[in-house]
PDB file of N, CA and C in Angstrom:
ATOM      1  N   MET A   1     101.584 117.547   9.466  1.00  0.00           N
ATOM      2  CA  MET A   1     100.749 116.964  10.491  1.00  0.00           C
ATOM      3  C   MET A   1      99.537 117.864  10.721  1.00  0.00           C
ATOM      4  N   LYS A   2      98.394 117.238  10.908  1.00  0.00           N
ATOM      5  CA  LYS A   2      97.145 117.952  11.154  1.00  0.00           C
ATOM      6  C   LYS A   2      96.955 118.121  12.666  1.00  0.00           C
ATOM      7  N   PHE A   3      96.616 119.347  13.084  1.00  0.00           N
ATOM      8  CA  PHE A   3      96.322 119.637  14.482  1.00  0.00           C
ATOM      9  C   PHE A   3      94.849 119.995  14.602  1.00  0.00           C
ATOM     10  N   THR A   4      94.176 119.438  15.610  1.00  0.00           N
ATOM     11  CA  THR A   4      92.745 119.632  15.765  1.00  0.00           C
ATOM     12  C   THR A   4      92.410 120.107  17.175  1.00  0.00           C
ATOM     13  N   VAL A   5      91.443 121.020  17.245  1.00  0.00           N
ATOM     14  CA  VAL A   5      90.814 121.402  18.502  1.00  0.00           C
ATOM     15  C   VAL A   5      89.325 121.156  18.306  1.00  0.00           C
ATOM     16  N   GLU A   6      88.745 120.355  19.172  1.00  0.00           N
ATOM     17  CA  GLU A   6      87.308 120.098  19.093  1.00  0.00           C
ATOM     18  C   GLU A   6      86.561 121.208  19.819  1.00  0.00           C
ATOM     19  N   VAL A   7      85.478 121.657  19.228  1.00  0.00           N
ATOM     20  CA  VAL A   7      84.601 122.637  19.868  1.00  0.00           C
ATOM     21  C   VAL A   7      83.236 121.979  20.002  1.00  0.00           C
ATOM     22  N   ASN A   8      82.771 121.881  21.243  1.00  0.00           N
ATOM     23  CA  ASN A   8      81.504 121.218  21.524  1.00  0.00           C
ATOM     24  C   ASN A   8      80.651 122.085  22.440  1.00  0.00           C
ATOM     25  N   PHE A   9      79.367 121.797  22.449  1.00  0.00           N
ATOM     26  CA  PHE A   9      78.445 122.489  23.333  1.00  0.00           C
ATOM     27  C   PHE A   9      78.138 121.594  24.526  1.00  0.00           C
ATOM     28  N   ALA A  10      77.997 122.221  25.698  1.00  0.00           N
ATOM     29  CA  ALA A  10      77.663 121.490  26.919  1.00  0.00           C
ATOM     30  C   ALA A  10      76.504 122.192  27.614  1.00  0.00           C
ATOM     31  N   PRO A  11      75.582 121.423  28.173  1.00  0.00           N
ATOM     32  CA  PRO A  11      74.473 122.041  28.908  1.00  0.00           C
ATOM     33  C   PRO A  11      74.990 122.693  30.197  1.00  0.00           C
ATOM     34  N   PRO A  12      74.226 123.649  30.714  1.00  0.00           N
ATOM     35  CA  PRO A  12      74.667 124.387  31.897  1.00  0.00           C
ATOM     36  C   PRO A  12      75.086 123.510  33.084  1.00  0.00           C
ATOM     37  N   LYS A  13      74.297 122.503  33.410  1.00  0.00           N
ATOM     38  CA  LYS A  13      74.637 121.651  34.566  1.00  0.00           C
ATOM     39  C   LYS A  13      75.962 120.928  34.366  1.00  0.00           C
ATOM     40  N   LYS A  14      76.190 120.428  33.159  1.00  0.00           N
ATOM     41  CA  LYS A  14      77.426 119.688  32.874  1.00  0.00           C
ATOM     42  C   LYS A  14      78.643 120.605  32.923  1.00  0.00           C
ATOM     43  N   ILE A  15      78.549 121.783  32.324  1.00  0.00           N
ATOM     44  CA  ILE A  15      79.703 122.685  32.289  1.00  0.00           C
ATOM     45  C   ILE A  15      79.977 123.247  33.690  1.00  0.00           C
ATOM     46  N   GLN A  16      78.919 123.439  34.495  1.00  0.00           N
ATOM     47  CA  GLN A  16      79.111 123.885  35.875  1.00  0.00           C
ATOM     48  C   GLN A  16      79.806 122.793  36.690  1.00  0.00           C
ATOM     49  N   GLN A  17      79.390 121.561  36.490  1.00  0.00           N
ATOM     50  CA  GLN A  17      80.003 120.427  37.187  1.00  0.00           C
ATOM     51  C   GLN A  17      81.492 120.322  36.826  1.00  0.00           C
ATOM     52  N   LEU A  18      81.806 120.427  35.557  1.00  0.00           N
ATOM     53  CA  LEU A  18      83.204 120.371  35.120  1.00  0.00           C
ATOM     54  C   LEU A  18      84.003 121.543  35.687  1.00  0.00           C
ATOM     55  N   ASN A  19      83.411 122.718  35.704  1.00  0.00           N
ATOM     56  CA  ASN A  19      84.076 123.902  36.234  1.00  0.00           C
ATOM     57  C   ASN A  19      84.402 123.703  37.717  1.00  0.00           C
ATOM     58  N   LYS A  20      83.468 123.106  38.443  1.00  0.00           N
ATOM     59  CA  LYS A  20      83.682 122.863  39.875  1.00  0.00           C
ATOM     60  C   LYS A  20      84.751 121.794  40.089  1.00  0.00           C
ATOM     61  N   GLU A  21      84.652 120.696  39.345  1.00  0.00           N
ATOM     62  CA  GLU A  21      85.605 119.592  39.494  1.00  0.00           C
ATOM     63  C   GLU A  21      87.022 119.973  39.061  1.00  0.00           C
ATOM     64  N   MET A  22      87.133 120.665  37.943  1.00  0.00           N
ATOM     65  CA  MET A  22      88.454 120.928  37.349  1.00  0.00           C
ATOM     66  C   MET A  22      89.094 122.229  37.833  1.00  0.00           C
ATOM     67  N   ARG A  23      88.254 123.198  38.195  1.00  0.00           N
ATOM     68  CA  ARG A  23      88.800 124.509  38.555  1.00  0.00           C
ATOM     69  C   ARG A  23      88.421 124.964  39.960  1.00  0.00           C
ATOM     70  N   GLY A  24      87.555 124.198  40.635  1.00  0.00           N
ATOM     71  CA  GLY A  24      87.132 124.562  41.978  1.00  0.00           C
ATOM     72  C   GLY A  24      86.216 125.773  42.025  1.00  0.00           C
ATOM     73  N   LYS A  25      85.568 126.078  40.899  1.00  0.00           N
ATOM     74  CA  LYS A  25      84.691 127.247  40.807  1.00  0.00           C
ATOM     75  C   LYS A  25      83.275 126.773  40.507  1.00  0.00           C
ATOM     76  N   ASP A  26      82.321 127.192  41.348  1.00  0.00           N
ATOM     77  CA  ASP A  26      80.959 126.685  41.260  1.00  0.00           C
ATOM     78  C   ASP A  26      80.019 127.696  40.604  1.00  0.00           C
ATOM     79  N   TYR A  27      80.162 127.841  39.296  1.00  0.00           N
ATOM     80  CA  TYR A  27      79.252 128.669  38.512  1.00  0.00           C
ATOM     81  C   TYR A  27      79.251 128.146  37.076  1.00  0.00           C
ATOM     82  N   VAL A  28      78.308 128.624  36.294  1.00  0.00           N
ATOM     83  CA  VAL A  28      78.198 128.197  34.894  1.00  0.00           C
ATOM     84  C   VAL A  28      79.031 129.149  34.034  1.00  0.00           C
ATOM     85  N   PRO A  29      80.156 128.682  33.494  1.00  0.00           N
ATOM     86  CA  PRO A  29      80.957 129.532  32.616  1.00  0.00           C
ATOM     87  C   PRO A  29      80.433 129.467  31.181  1.00  0.00           C
ATOM     88  N   ALA A  30      80.761 130.469  30.417  1.00  0.00           N
ATOM     89  CA  ALA A  30      80.393 130.458  28.998  1.00  0.00           C
ATOM     90  C   ALA A  30      81.287 129.496  28.218  1.00  0.00           C
ATOM     91  N   VAL A  31      82.527 129.343  28.673  1.00  0.00           N
ATOM     92  CA  VAL A  31      83.491 128.511  27.949  1.00  0.00           C
ATOM     93  C   VAL A  31      84.476 127.872  28.922  1.00  0.00           C
ATOM     94  N   LEU A  32      84.852 126.647  28.611  1.00  0.00           N
ATOM     95  CA  LEU A  32      85.943 125.944  29.295  1.00  0.00           C
ATOM     96  C   LEU A  32      86.808 125.315  28.219  1.00  0.00           C
ATOM     97  N   SER A  33      88.083 125.196  28.501  1.00  0.00           N
ATOM     98  CA  SER A  33      88.960 124.521  27.539  1.00  0.00           C
ATOM     99  C   SER A  33      89.879 123.562  28.274  1.00  0.00           C
ATOM    100  N   PHE A  34      90.179 122.464  27.596  1.00  0.00           N
ATOM    101  CA  PHE A  34      91.029 121.426  28.156  1.00  0.00           C
ATOM    102  C   PHE A  34      92.060 121.012  27.113  1.00  0.00           C
ATOM    103  N   ALA A  35      93.324 121.061  27.499  1.00  0.00           N
ATOM    104  CA  ALA A  35      94.405 120.628  26.605  1.00  0.00           C
ATOM    105  C   ALA A  35      94.608 119.124  26.774  1.00  0.00           C
ATOM    106  N   TYR A  36      94.696 118.401  25.665  1.00  0.00           N
ATOM    107  CA  TYR A  36      94.881 116.948  25.696  1.00  0.00           C
ATOM    108  C   TYR A  36      96.209 116.517  25.072  1.00  0.00           C
ATOM    109  N   TYR A  37      96.549 117.067  23.923  1.00  0.00           N
ATOM    110  CA  TYR A  37      97.745 116.684  23.175  1.00  0.00           C
ATOM    111  C   TYR A  37      97.803 115.169  22.954  1.00  0.00           C
ATOM    112  N   GLU A  38      96.752 114.649  22.328  1.00  0.00           N
ATOM    113  CA  GLU A  38      96.649 113.221  22.057  1.00  0.00           C
ATOM    114  C   GLU A  38      96.949 112.924  20.594  1.00  0.00           C
ATOM    115  N   PRO A  39      97.920 112.041  20.341  1.00  0.00           N
ATOM    116  CA  PRO A  39      98.180 111.641  18.955  1.00  0.00           C
ATOM    117  C   PRO A  39      97.009 110.818  18.416  1.00  0.00           C
ATOM    118  N   ARG A  40      96.693 111.064  17.159  1.00  0.00           N
ATOM    119  CA  ARG A  40      95.654 110.306  16.466  1.00  0.00           C
ATOM    120  C   ARG A  40      96.211 109.889  15.119  1.00  0.00           C
ATOM    121  N   GLU A  41      95.508 108.969  14.485  1.00  0.00           N
ATOM    122  CA  GLU A  41      95.953 108.491  13.170  1.00  0.00           C
ATOM    123  C   GLU A  41      96.099 109.625  12.167  1.00  0.00           C
ATOM    124  N   ASP A  42      95.193 110.600  12.247  1.00  0.00           N
ATOM    125  CA  ASP A  42      95.192 111.682  11.260  1.00  0.00           C
ATOM    126  C   ASP A  42      95.891 112.945  11.766  1.00  0.00           C
ATOM    127  N   GLY A  43      96.611 112.867  12.874  1.00  0.00           N
ATOM    128  CA  GLY A  43      97.316 114.042  13.382  1.00  0.00           C
ATOM    129  C   GLY A  43      97.312 114.089  14.897  1.00  0.00           C
ATOM    130  N   MET A  44      97.100 115.273  15.444  1.00  0.00           N
ATOM    131  CA  MET A  44      97.176 115.480  16.883  1.00  0.00           C
ATOM    132  C   MET A  44      95.953 116.246  17.373  1.00  0.00           C
ATOM    133  N   LEU A  45      95.272 115.696  18.385  1.00  0.00           N
ATOM    134  CA  LEU A  45      94.181 116.408  19.035  1.00  0.00           C
ATOM    135  C   LEU A  45      94.805 117.272  20.126  1.00  0.00           C
ATOM    136  N   LEU A  46      94.723 118.581  19.955  1.00  0.00           N
ATOM    137  CA  LEU A  46      95.323 119.493  20.927  1.00  0.00           C
ATOM    138  C   LEU A  46      94.447 119.657  22.162  1.00  0.00           C
ATOM    139  N   GLY A  47      93.129 119.616  21.989  1.00  0.00           N
ATOM    140  CA  GLY A  47      92.246 119.768  23.135  1.00  0.00           C
ATOM    141  C   GLY A  47      90.812 119.972  22.725  1.00  0.00           C
ATOM    142  N   GLU A  48      90.018 120.341  23.735  1.00  0.00           N
ATOM    143  CA  GLU A  48      88.590 120.522  23.526  1.00  0.00           C
ATOM    144  C   GLU A  48      88.140 121.835  24.160  1.00  0.00           C
ATOM    145  N   VAL A  49      87.285 122.539  23.443  1.00  0.00           N
ATOM    146  CA  VAL A  49      86.646 123.756  23.943  1.00  0.00           C
ATOM    147  C   VAL A  49      85.178 123.427  24.142  1.00  0.00           C
ATOM    148  N   LEU A  50      84.669 123.679  25.352  1.00  0.00           N
ATOM    149  CA  LEU A  50      83.256 123.467  25.649  1.00  0.00           C
ATOM    150  C   LEU A  50      82.587 124.819  25.804  1.00  0.00           C
ATOM    151  N   ILE A  51      81.467 124.996  25.139  1.00  0.00           N
ATOM    152  CA  ILE A  51      80.723 126.255  25.182  1.00  0.00           C
ATOM    153  C   ILE A  51      79.326 125.980  25.698  1.00  0.00           C
ATOM    154  N   CYS A  52      78.888 126.805  26.630  1.00  0.00           N
ATOM    155  CA  CYS A  52      77.516 126.749  27.128  1.00  0.00           C
ATOM    156  C   CYS A  52      76.702 127.767  26.328  1.00  0.00           C
ATOM    157  N   LYS A  53      75.805 127.253  25.513  1.00  0.00           N
ATOM    158  CA  LYS A  53      75.070 128.108  24.582  1.00  0.00           C
ATOM    159  C   LYS A  53      74.207 129.154  25.298  1.00  0.00           C
ATOM    160  N   SER A  54      73.594 128.789  26.426  1.00  0.00           N
ATOM    161  CA  SER A  54      72.750 129.764  27.134  1.00  0.00           C
ATOM    162  C   SER A  54      73.593 130.899  27.711  1.00  0.00           C
ATOM    163  N   GLU A  55      74.785 130.611  28.184  1.00  0.00           N
ATOM    164  CA  GLU A  55      75.680 131.659  28.687  1.00  0.00           C
ATOM    165  C   GLU A  55      76.235 132.490  27.534  1.00  0.00           C
ATOM    166  N   ALA A  56      76.495 131.834  26.409  1.00  0.00           N
ATOM    167  CA  ALA A  56      76.969 132.559  25.221  1.00  0.00           C
ATOM    168  C   ALA A  56      75.900 133.543  24.755  1.00  0.00           C
ATOM    169  N   GLN A  57      74.632 133.133  24.841  1.00  0.00           N
ATOM    170  CA  GLN A  57      73.530 134.021  24.442  1.00  0.00           C
ATOM    171  C   GLN A  57      73.482 135.254  25.335  1.00  0.00           C
ATOM    172  N   LYS A  58      73.670 135.080  26.635  1.00  0.00           N
ATOM    173  CA  LYS A  58      73.696 136.214  27.569  1.00  0.00           C
ATOM    174  C   LYS A  58      74.841 137.164  27.236  1.00  0.00           C
ATOM    175  N   LEU A  59      76.006 136.591  26.946  1.00  0.00           N
ATOM    176  CA  LEU A  59      77.163 137.420  26.581  1.00  0.00           C
ATOM    177  C   LEU A  59      76.937 138.148  25.268  1.00  0.00           C
ATOM    178  N   ALA A  60      76.314 137.469  24.310  1.00  0.00           N
ATOM    179  CA  ALA A  60      76.044 138.088  23.015  1.00  0.00           C
ATOM    180  C   ALA A  60      75.166 139.322  23.192  1.00  0.00           C
ATOM    181  N   LYS A  61      74.151 139.195  24.020  1.00  0.00           N
ATOM    182  CA  LYS A  61      73.264 140.327  24.279  1.00  0.00           C
ATOM    183  C   LYS A  61      74.037 141.458  24.951  1.00  0.00           C
ATOM    184  N   LYS A  62      74.819 141.122  25.963  1.00  0.00           N
ATOM    185  CA  LYS A  62      75.615 142.115  26.688  1.00  0.00           C
ATOM    186  C   LYS A  62      76.615 142.815  25.764  1.00  0.00           C
ATOM    187  N   ASN A  63      77.246 142.034  24.885  1.00  0.00           N
ATOM    188  CA  ASN A  63      78.273 142.568  23.980  1.00  0.00           C
ATOM    189  C   ASN A  63      77.697 143.130  22.681  1.00  0.00           C
ATOM    190  N   GLU A  64      76.376 143.029  22.528  1.00  0.00           N
ATOM    191  CA  GLU A  64      75.680 143.524  21.340  1.00  0.00           C
ATOM    192  C   GLU A  64      76.224 142.922  20.042  1.00  0.00           C
ATOM    193  N   VAL A  65      76.350 141.581  20.069  1.00  0.00           N
ATOM    194  CA  VAL A  65      76.777 140.830  18.895  1.00  0.00           C
ATOM    195  C   VAL A  65      75.795 139.678  18.692  1.00  0.00           C
ATOM    196  N   THR A  66      75.870 139.037  17.560  1.00  0.00           N
ATOM    197  CA  THR A  66      75.011 137.874  17.318  1.00  0.00           C
ATOM    198  C   THR A  66      75.526 136.688  18.132  1.00  0.00           C
ATOM    199  N   LEU A  67      74.648 135.719  18.318  1.00  0.00           N
ATOM    200  CA  LEU A  67      75.061 134.495  19.008  1.00  0.00           C
ATOM    201  C   LEU A  67      76.210 133.823  18.270  1.00  0.00           C
ATOM    202  N   GLU A  68      76.125 133.788  16.949  1.00  0.00           N
ATOM    203  CA  GLU A  68      77.192 133.177  16.147  1.00  0.00           C
ATOM    204  C   GLU A  68      78.529 133.882  16.380  1.00  0.00           C
ATOM    205  N   GLU A  69      78.524 135.206  16.385  1.00  0.00           N
ATOM    206  CA  GLU A  69      79.760 135.954  16.634  1.00  0.00           C
ATOM    207  C   GLU A  69      80.309 135.663  18.030  1.00  0.00           C
ATOM    208  N   GLN A  70      79.425 135.587  19.006  1.00  0.00           N
ATOM    209  CA  GLN A  70      79.867 135.320  20.374  1.00  0.00           C
ATOM    210  C   GLN A  70      80.455 133.927  20.498  1.00  0.00           C
ATOM    211  N   ILE A  71      79.797 132.956  19.886  1.00  0.00           N
ATOM    212  CA  ILE A  71      80.317 131.582  19.918  1.00  0.00           C
ATOM    213  C   ILE A  71      81.681 131.521  19.248  1.00  0.00           C
ATOM    214  N   ASN A  72      81.850 132.208  18.139  1.00  0.00           N
ATOM    215  CA  ASN A  72      83.156 132.241  17.473  1.00  0.00           C
ATOM    216  C   ASN A  72      84.214 132.841  18.387  1.00  0.00           C
ATOM    217  N   GLN A  73      83.870 133.926  19.074  1.00  0.00           N
ATOM    218  CA  GLN A  73      84.819 134.559  19.995  1.00  0.00           C
ATOM    219  C   GLN A  73      85.188 133.612  21.137  1.00  0.00           C
ATOM    220  N   LEU A  74      84.205 132.897  21.669  1.00  0.00           N
ATOM    221  CA  LEU A  74      84.481 131.947  22.747  1.00  0.00           C
ATOM    222  C   LEU A  74      85.341 130.781  22.270  1.00  0.00           C
ATOM    223  N   ALA A  75      85.080 130.305  21.052  1.00  0.00           N
ATOM    224  CA  ALA A  75      85.889 129.216  20.495  1.00  0.00           C
ATOM    225  C   ALA A  75      87.335 129.654  20.323  1.00  0.00           C
ATOM    226  N   ILE A  76      87.544 130.860  19.848  1.00  0.00           N
ATOM    227  CA  ILE A  76      88.901 131.392  19.686  1.00  0.00           C
ATOM    228  C   ILE A  76      89.567 131.567  21.049  1.00  0.00           C
ATOM    229  N   HIS A  77      88.823 132.110  22.005  1.00  0.00           N
ATOM    230  CA  HIS A  77      89.352 132.313  23.357  1.00  0.00           C
ATOM    231  C   HIS A  77      89.802 130.978  23.958  1.00  0.00           C
ATOM    232  N   GLY A  78      88.942 129.960  23.877  1.00  0.00           N
ATOM    233  CA  GLY A  78      89.279 128.642  24.410  1.00  0.00           C
ATOM    234  C   GLY A  78      90.466 128.016  23.710  1.00  0.00           C
ATOM    235  N   THR A  79      90.543 128.168  22.400  1.00  0.00           N
ATOM    236  CA  THR A  79      91.666 127.628  21.633  1.00  0.00           C
ATOM    237  C   THR A  79      92.969 128.304  22.043  1.00  0.00           C
ATOM    238  N   LYS A  80      92.935 129.597  22.260  1.00  0.00           N
ATOM    239  CA  LYS A  80      94.138 130.308  22.718  1.00  0.00           C
ATOM    240  C   LYS A  80      94.617 129.760  24.054  1.00  0.00           C
ATOM    241  N   HIS A  81      93.685 129.455  24.954  1.00  0.00           N
ATOM    242  CA  HIS A  81      94.086 128.867  26.235  1.00  0.00           C
ATOM    243  C   HIS A  81      94.766 127.512  26.029  1.00  0.00           C
ATOM    244  N   ILE A  82      94.233 126.705  25.145  1.00  0.00           N
ATOM    245  CA  ILE A  82      94.844 125.404  24.847  1.00  0.00           C
ATOM    246  C   ILE A  82      96.264 125.587  24.322  1.00  0.00           C
ATOM    247  N   LEU A  83      96.467 126.625  23.524  1.00  0.00           N
ATOM    248  CA  LEU A  83      97.785 126.905  22.941  1.00  0.00           C
ATOM    249  C   LEU A  83      98.712 127.648  23.905  1.00  0.00           C
ATOM    250  N   GLY A  84      98.208 127.997  25.088  1.00  0.00           N
ATOM    251  CA  GLY A  84      99.032 128.685  26.066  1.00  0.00           C
ATOM    252  C   GLY A  84      99.064 130.179  25.898  1.00  0.00           C
ATOM    253  N   ILE A  85      98.120 130.707  25.150  1.00  0.00           N
ATOM    254  CA  ILE A  85      98.032 132.155  24.931  1.00  0.00           C
ATOM    255  C   ILE A  85      96.928 132.678  25.843  1.00  0.00           C
ATOM    256  N   HIS A  86      97.298 133.360  26.911  1.00  0.00           N
ATOM    257  CA  HIS A  86      96.314 133.846  27.883  1.00  0.00           C
ATOM    258  C   HIS A  86      96.251 135.350  27.835  1.00  0.00           C
ATOM    259  N   GLU A  87      95.045 135.863  27.588  1.00  0.00           N
ATOM    260  CA  GLU A  87      94.863 137.305  27.446  1.00  0.00           C
ATOM    261  C   GLU A  87      94.196 137.934  28.646  1.00  0.00           C
ATOM    262  N   ASP A  88      93.743 137.122  29.620  1.00  0.00           N
ATOM    263  CA  ASP A  88      93.057 137.718  30.767  1.00  0.00           C
ATOM    264  C   ASP A  88      93.872 137.640  32.017  1.00  0.00           C
TER     265      ASP A  88
END
C-alpha cells in the first residue's frame, strides 16, 4: 500500500487563519500539519503539511541554511507530527 503526505505552500494570511482556527494561536507559523488518514484508490493519504515560504525564509536566514534546506526540514518536521513523532 502506498502512503502519501502532501506538502503545500500557504500564504501568510491563510496559514495564520488556520493556526488561529485549529490551534487557537494568532501568529504566522512556518509550518502546520494536519493528519487525515483518508483512503484513496492508490493508497492512503496520511495528511498535509503546510509551509509558509516567507516564514521559512526567515528561519533559513536565522539557521544559516538555504531556503531549500529549511523547507525540507519543515516538511520532515510536519510529517513527523502527522506520524505522531513529536520532538518539541
